[in-house]
Amino acid sequence: MNTPINYEIVEQKIGELEVPEIGNASIREIVQLVSSIEAATGVRYIRMEMGVPGLPPARIGVEAEIEALKNNVASAYPRIDGIQPLKDETSRFLKLFMDIEVNPEGCIPTVGSMEGSYAAFLVSGSCHKERDTALFIDPDFRFKNNRCS
């Protein structure tokens, strides 16, 4: 079979993973699979599963980070509700690209989707003081017959 990556190696690595159906593999199992295929073939994948694509950063971002470090940004944690320029630009981005108006006060930058989800969960759980229980449904990213298991 003519594929960009050696088909036999991919099939071998899927077999070594010992997952009955690859379509039911967890994100971590897929990460393990791709890492083993990379090691065996030397072919690099663009890694998007955990928010780390492995792409080089944009020059403007690197320069801004260097400038921020020169301005002593590493000496203190930012405010918990975010820094104002980032909040303003987040609000502007939402308007320009999604035509949604969100007050900058409602834009809370986080360092990733897990932190953002946790913060949103905490906020939503604090909205009604009379409610002391939350139901957290975790589909585990697995699907069977087009339904979450």
C-alpha atoms as a PDB file:
ATOM      1  CA  MET A   1       0.000   0.000   0.000  1.00  0.00           C
ATOM      2  CA  ASN A   2       1.371   3.433  -0.978  1.00  0.00           C
ATOM      3  CA  THR A   3       1.110   5.730   2.059  1.00  0.00           C
ATOM      4  CA  PRO A   4       3.218   8.691   3.270  1.00  0.00           C
ATOM      5  CA  ILE A   5       4.355   6.617   6.263  1.00  0.00           C
ATOM      6  CA  ASN A   6       5.313   2.958   6.017  1.00  0.00           C
ATOM      7  CA  TYR A   7       2.002   1.081   6.332  1.00  0.00           C
ATOM      8  CA  GLU A   8       3.570  -2.037   7.842  1.00  0.00           C
ATOM      9  CA  ILE A   9       5.244  -0.045  10.629  1.00  0.00           C
ATOM     10  CA  VAL A  10       1.992   1.745  11.440  1.00  0.00           C
ATOM     11  CA  GLU A  11       0.102  -1.559  11.562  1.00  0.00           C
ATOM     12  CA  GLN A  12       2.824  -3.096  13.760  1.00  0.00           C
ATOM     13  CA  LYS A  13       2.722  -0.167  16.194  1.00  0.00           C
ATOM     14  CA  ILE A  14      -1.082  -0.272  16.354  1.00  0.00           C
ATOM     15  CA  GLY A  15      -0.817  -3.985  17.219  1.00  0.00           C
ATOM     16  CA  GLU A  16       1.755  -3.284  19.919  1.00  0.00           C
ATOM     17  CA  LEU A  17      -0.600  -0.740  21.476  1.00  0.00           C
ATOM     18  CA  GLU A  18      -3.014  -3.575  22.312  1.00  0.00           C
ATOM     19  CA  VAL A  19      -6.157  -1.491  21.800  1.00  0.00           C
ATOM     20  CA  PRO A  20      -8.968  -3.664  20.333  1.00  0.00           C
ATOM     21  CA  GLU A  21     -10.223  -0.830  18.085  1.00  0.00           C
ATOM     22  CA  ILE A  22      -7.980   2.135  17.318  1.00  0.00           C
ATOM     23  CA  GLY A  23     -11.106   4.299  17.027  1.00  0.00           C
ATOM     24  CA  ASN A  24     -11.706   3.686  20.737  1.00  0.00           C
ATOM     25  CA  ALA A  25      -8.175   4.615  21.823  1.00  0.00           C
ATOM     26  CA  SER A  26      -7.783   7.386  24.390  1.00  0.00           C
ATOM     27  CA  ILE A  27      -5.869  10.568  23.612  1.00  0.00           C
ATOM     28  CA  ARG A  28      -2.937   9.302  25.687  1.00  0.00           C
ATOM     29  CA  GLU A  29      -2.911   6.008  23.770  1.00  0.00           C
ATOM     30  CA  ILE A  30      -2.882   7.886  20.458  1.00  0.00           C
ATOM     31  CA  VAL A  31       0.007  10.045  21.736  1.00  0.00           C
ATOM     32  CA  GLN A  32       1.886   6.853  22.648  1.00  0.00           C
ATOM     33  CA  LEU A  33       1.131   5.374  19.207  1.00  0.00           C
ATOM     34  CA  VAL A  34       2.298   8.442  17.294  1.00  0.00           C
ATOM     35  CA  SER A  35       5.451   8.703  19.412  1.00  0.00           C
ATOM     36  CA  SER A  36       6.338   5.076  18.659  1.00  0.00           C
ATOM     37  CA  ILE A  37       5.676   5.576  14.918  1.00  0.00           C
ATOM     38  CA  GLU A  38       7.877   8.698  14.958  1.00  0.00           C
ATOM     39  CA  ALA A  39      10.673   6.775  16.688  1.00  0.00           C
ATOM     40  CA  ALA A  40      10.458   3.872  14.247  1.00  0.00           C
ATOM     41  CA  THR A  41      10.197   5.923  11.039  1.00  0.00           C
ATOM     42  CA  GLY A  42      11.971   9.193  11.811  1.00  0.00           C
ATOM     43  CA  VAL A  43       8.964  11.022  10.349  1.00  0.00           C
ATOM     44  CA  ARG A  44       7.874  13.966  12.536  1.00  0.00           C
ATOM     45  CA  TYR A  45       4.191  14.582  13.177  1.00  0.00           C
ATOM     46  CA  ILE A  46       2.666  17.967  13.945  1.00  0.00           C
ATOM     47  CA  ARG A  47       1.550  17.360  17.516  1.00  0.00           C
ATOM     48  CA  MET A  48      -1.824  18.932  18.315  1.00  0.00           C
ATOM     49  CA  GLU A  49      -3.246  16.469  20.847  1.00  0.00           C
ATOM     50  CA  MET A  50      -2.040  18.271  23.958  1.00  0.00           C
ATOM     51  CA  GLY A  51      -1.698  21.782  22.578  1.00  0.00           C
ATOM     52  CA  VAL A  52       1.982  21.414  21.684  1.00  0.00           C
ATOM     53  CA  PRO A  53       2.209  21.380  17.888  1.00  0.00           C
ATOM     54  CA  GLY A  54       6.020  21.420  17.698  1.00  0.00           C
ATOM     55  CA  LEU A  55       5.928  24.270  15.178  1.00  0.00           C
ATOM     56  CA  PRO A  56       8.462  27.080  15.433  1.00  0.00           C
ATOM     57  CA  PRO A  57       7.074  30.179  17.175  1.00  0.00           C
ATOM     58  CA  ALA A  58       6.284  33.309  15.189  1.00  0.00           C
ATOM     59  CA  ARG A  59       9.134  35.855  15.206  1.00  0.00           C
ATOM     60  CA  ILE A  60       6.867  38.617  16.568  1.00  0.00           C
ATOM     61  CA  GLY A  61       5.955  36.415  19.557  1.00  0.00           C
ATOM     62  CA  VAL A  62       9.589  35.632  20.323  1.00  0.00           C
ATOM     63  CA  GLU A  63      10.508  39.316  20.124  1.00  0.00           C
ATOM     64  CA  ALA A  64       7.591  40.285  22.378  1.00  0.00           C
ATOM     65  CA  GLU A  65       8.608  37.638  24.917  1.00  0.00           C
ATOM     66  CA  ILE A  66      12.219  38.890  24.928  1.00  0.00           C
ATOM     67  CA  GLU A  67      10.982  42.471  25.406  1.00  0.00           C
ATOM     68  CA  ALA A  68       8.692  41.376  28.253  1.00  0.00           C
ATOM     69  CA  LEU A  69      11.582  39.571  29.970  1.00  0.00           C
ATOM     70  CA  LYS A  70      13.771  42.666  29.572  1.00  0.00           C
ATOM     71  CA  ASN A  71      10.990  44.655  31.266  1.00  0.00           C
ATOM     72  CA  ASN A  72      11.142  42.331  34.295  1.00  0.00           C
ATOM     73  CA  VAL A  73       7.834  40.533  33.637  1.00  0.00           C
ATOM     74  CA  ALA A  74       9.216  37.359  35.224  1.00  0.00           C
ATOM     75  CA  SER A  75       9.549  39.021  38.621  1.00  0.00           C
ATOM     76  CA  ALA A  76       5.857  38.677  39.504  1.00  0.00           C
ATOM     77  CA  TYR A  77       2.822  36.638  38.631  1.00  0.00           C
ATOM     78  CA  PRO A  78       0.199  38.462  36.579  1.00  0.00           C
ATOM     79  CA  ARG A  79      -3.081  39.382  38.229  1.00  0.00           C
ATOM     80  CA  ILE A  80      -5.491  36.471  38.465  1.00  0.00           C
ATOM     81  CA  ASP A  81      -7.987  38.200  36.161  1.00  0.00           C
ATOM     82  CA  GLY A  82      -5.312  38.872  33.524  1.00  0.00           C
ATOM     83  CA  ILE A  83      -3.415  41.900  32.277  1.00  0.00           C
ATOM     84  CA  GLN A  84      -5.454  44.672  30.708  1.00  0.00           C
ATOM     85  CA  PRO A  85      -3.801  44.788  27.232  1.00  0.00           C
ATOM     86  CA  LEU A  86      -4.412  41.041  26.775  1.00  0.00           C
ATOM     87  CA  LYS A  87      -8.011  41.353  27.997  1.00  0.00           C
ATOM     88  CA  ASP A  88      -8.598  44.255  25.573  1.00  0.00           C
ATOM     89  CA  GLU A  89      -7.085  42.376  22.627  1.00  0.00           C
ATOM     90  CA  THR A  90      -9.084  39.242  23.441  1.00  0.00           C
ATOM     91  CA  SER A  91     -12.274  41.291  23.354  1.00  0.00           C
ATOM     92  CA  ARG A  92     -11.167  42.905  20.072  1.00  0.00           C
ATOM     93  CA  PHE A  93     -10.332  39.489  18.549  1.00  0.00           C
ATOM     94  CA  LEU A  94     -13.775  38.126  19.431  1.00  0.00           C
ATOM     95  CA  LYS A  95     -15.432  41.099  17.739  1.00  0.00           C
ATOM     96  CA  LEU A  96     -13.272  41.020  14.602  1.00  0.00           C
ATOM     97  CA  PHE A  97     -13.253  37.268  13.986  1.00  0.00           C
ATOM     98  CA  MET A  98     -16.507  36.050  15.506  1.00  0.00           C
ATOM     99  CA  ASP A  99     -18.618  39.247  15.547  1.00  0.00           C
ATOM    100  CA  ILE A 100     -19.249  38.738  19.272  1.00  0.00           C
ATOM    101  CA  GLU A 101     -19.061  41.649  21.689  1.00  0.00           C
ATOM    102  CA  VAL A 102     -17.532  40.644  25.017  1.00  0.00           C
ATOM    103  CA  ASN A 103     -16.536  43.199  27.621  1.00  0.00           C
ATOM    104  CA  PRO A 104     -12.779  42.945  28.306  1.00  0.00           C
ATOM    105  CA  GLU A 105     -13.652  42.455  31.979  1.00  0.00           C
ATOM    106  CA  GLY A 106     -15.151  39.078  31.005  1.00  0.00           C
ATOM    107  CA  CYS A 107     -12.008  37.953  29.157  1.00  0.00           C
ATOM    108  CA  ILE A 108      -9.893  35.877  31.529  1.00  0.00           C
ATOM    109  CA  PRO A 109      -6.689  34.587  29.913  1.00  0.00           C
ATOM    110  CA  THR A 110      -5.461  31.158  30.991  1.00  0.00           C
ATOM    111  CA  VAL A 111      -2.411  29.079  30.161  1.00  0.00           C
ATOM    112  CA  GLY A 112      -4.418  26.278  28.583  1.00  0.00           C
ATOM    113  CA  SER A 113      -7.767  24.619  28.136  1.00  0.00           C
ATOM    114  CA  MET A 114      -7.461  22.581  31.342  1.00  0.00           C
ATOM    115  CA  GLU A 115      -6.873  25.678  33.469  1.00  0.00           C
ATOM    116  CA  GLY A 116      -9.627  27.529  31.596  1.00  0.00           C
ATOM    117  CA  SER A 117     -12.075  24.662  32.058  1.00  0.00           C
ATOM    118  CA  TYR A 118     -11.237  24.400  35.748  1.00  0.00           C
ATOM    119  CA  ALA A 119     -11.698  28.146  36.237  1.00  0.00           C
ATOM    120  CA  ALA A 120     -15.027  28.080  34.369  1.00  0.00           C
ATOM    121  CA  PHE A 121     -16.133  25.104  36.475  1.00  0.00           C
ATOM    122  CA  LEU A 122     -15.259  26.950  39.691  1.00  0.00           C
ATOM    123  CA  VAL A 123     -17.061  30.106  38.576  1.00  0.00           C
ATOM    124  CA  SER A 124     -20.185  28.277  37.447  1.00  0.00           C
ATOM    125  CA  GLY A 125     -20.233  26.355  40.721  1.00  0.00           C
ATOM    126  CA  SER A 126     -20.201  29.605  42.678  1.00  0.00           C
ATOM    127  CA  CYS A 127     -23.051  31.368  40.886  1.00  0.00           C
ATOM    128  CA  HIS A 128     -25.823  30.037  43.131  1.00  0.00           C
ATOM    129  CA  LYS A 129     -24.910  29.821  46.812  1.00  0.00           C
ATOM    130  CA  GLU A 130     -27.879  27.544  47.546  1.00  0.00           C
ATOM    131  CA  ARG A 131     -26.485  24.859  45.235  1.00  0.00           C
ATOM    132  CA  ASP A 132     -23.734  22.726  46.756  1.00  0.00           C
ATOM    133  CA  THR A 133     -23.371  19.945  44.177  1.00  0.00           C
ATOM    134  CA  ALA A 134     -22.141  19.827  40.592  1.00  0.00           C
ATOM    135  CA  LEU A 135     -22.428  17.025  38.062  1.00  0.00           C
ATOM    136  CA  PHE A 136     -19.303  16.739  35.940  1.00  0.00           C
ATOM    137  CA  ILE A 137     -19.837  14.560  32.872  1.00  0.00           C
ATOM    138  CA  ASP A 138     -16.561  13.309  31.417  1.00  0.00           C
ATOM    139  CA  PRO A 139     -16.995  11.492  28.092  1.00  0.00           C
ATOM    140  CA  ASP A 140     -13.315  10.386  28.225  1.00  0.00           C
ATOM    141  CA  PHE A 141     -13.009  11.298  24.536  1.00  0.00           C
ATOM    142  CA  ARG A 142     -14.152   7.805  23.534  1.00  0.00           C
ATOM    143  CA  PHE A 143     -16.983   7.176  21.143  1.00  0.00           C
ATOM    144  CA  LYS A 144     -18.841   3.987  20.319  1.00  0.00           C
ATOM    145  CA  ASN A 145     -21.503   3.877  17.628  1.00  0.00           C
ATOM    146  CA  ASN A 146     -21.305   7.691  17.366  1.00  0.00           C
ATOM    147  CA  ARG A 147     -22.244   8.046  21.056  1.00  0.00           C
ATOM    148  CA  CYS A 148     -20.111   8.838  24.061  1.00  0.00           C
ATOM    149  CA  SER A 149     -19.421   5.811  26.211  1.00  0.00           C
END
